[in-house]
């Protein structure tokens, strides 16, 4: 079950309101490191007045893998 189940509708609504792209999960992100293959994340990307914007929610990346007990929320411009 997705850890984003309670946020899915809100993220989709936000993305639609911003005319943004909602990206879900990454598969085969690091093909040379098997323990990092695929992880859940959500990313909303859009532009406003020529500025690229993003909201990214992703797990904590560690040297030995992905820690899904810790999450990061980033707002990027």
Protein backbone atom coordinates (compact mmCIF):
# COMPACT_ATOMS: atom_id res chain seq x y z
CA UNK A 1 0.00 0.00 0.00
CA UNK A 2 1.28 3.45 -0.89
CA UNK A 3 2.40 5.76 1.89
CA UNK A 4 0.80 8.55 -0.14
CA UNK A 5 -2.75 7.18 0.02
CA UNK A 6 -3.99 10.06 2.18
CA UNK A 7 -2.27 12.70 0.02
CA UNK A 8 -3.02 11.46 -3.51
CA UNK A 9 -6.21 13.46 -4.07
CA UNK A 10 -4.74 16.66 -2.62
CA UNK A 11 -1.57 16.39 -4.67
CA UNK A 12 -3.55 15.73 -7.85
CA UNK A 13 -5.81 18.72 -7.13
CA UNK A 14 -2.82 20.98 -6.42
CA UNK A 15 -1.09 19.84 -9.63
CA UNK A 16 -4.23 20.50 -11.68
CA UNK A 17 -4.66 23.97 -10.15
CA UNK A 18 -1.05 24.86 -11.01
CA UNK A 19 -1.24 23.26 -14.47
CA UNK A 20 1.63 21.12 -13.26
CA UNK A 21 2.95 17.63 -13.88
CA UNK A 22 2.52 15.14 -11.03
CA UNK A 23 5.16 12.41 -11.12
CA UNK A 24 4.82 9.24 -9.05
CA UNK A 25 7.61 6.90 -7.98
CA UNK A 26 10.92 6.18 -9.61
CA UNK A 27 11.65 2.81 -11.10
CA UNK A 28 15.18 1.70 -11.96
CA UNK A 29 16.60 5.02 -10.79
CA UNK A 30 20.05 3.63 -9.95
CA UNK A 31 20.38 0.46 -12.03
CA UNK A 32 23.93 -0.21 -10.80
CA UNK A 33 22.86 -0.22 -7.13
CA UNK A 34 20.16 -2.92 -6.72
CA UNK A 35 19.10 -1.87 -3.21
CA UNK A 36 18.15 1.56 -4.58
CA UNK A 37 16.00 0.29 -7.44
CA UNK A 38 12.67 2.02 -7.28
CA UNK A 39 11.18 3.99 -4.42
CA UNK A 40 8.00 5.88 -3.70
CA UNK A 41 8.02 9.62 -4.15
CA UNK A 42 5.78 12.38 -5.40
CA UNK A 43 6.90 15.36 -7.40
CA UNK A 44 4.92 18.30 -8.77
CA UNK A 45 6.69 20.43 -11.41
CA UNK A 46 5.43 23.61 -13.08
CA UNK A 47 6.44 27.03 -14.32
CA UNK A 48 5.20 30.42 -13.22
CA UNK A 49 6.35 33.63 -14.88
CA UNK A 50 9.42 31.91 -16.34
CA UNK A 51 10.49 30.33 -13.05
CA UNK A 52 10.66 26.54 -12.70
CA UNK A 53 9.00 25.37 -9.47
CA UNK A 54 8.74 21.98 -7.80
CA UNK A 55 7.38 20.32 -4.70
CA UNK A 56 9.17 17.06 -3.95
CA UNK A 57 8.28 14.49 -1.29
CA UNK A 58 10.76 11.64 -1.06
CA UNK A 59 12.30 9.22 1.43
CA UNK A 60 15.67 9.65 3.09
CA UNK A 61 18.55 8.41 0.93
CA UNK A 62 21.38 6.73 2.77
CA UNK A 63 24.60 5.08 1.68
CA UNK A 64 23.07 1.63 2.16
CA UNK A 65 19.63 2.27 0.69
CA UNK A 66 16.42 4.21 1.04
CA UNK A 67 15.00 4.80 4.53
CA UNK A 68 11.22 5.06 4.24
CA UNK A 69 10.80 5.82 7.95
CA UNK A 70 12.10 9.36 7.29
CA UNK A 71 10.69 11.67 4.61
CA UNK A 72 11.78 14.98 3.11
CA UNK A 73 9.51 17.70 1.77
CA UNK A 74 11.19 20.17 -0.55
CA UNK A 75 9.82 23.26 -2.22
CA UNK A 76 12.21 24.33 -4.97
CA UNK A 77 12.31 27.38 -7.22
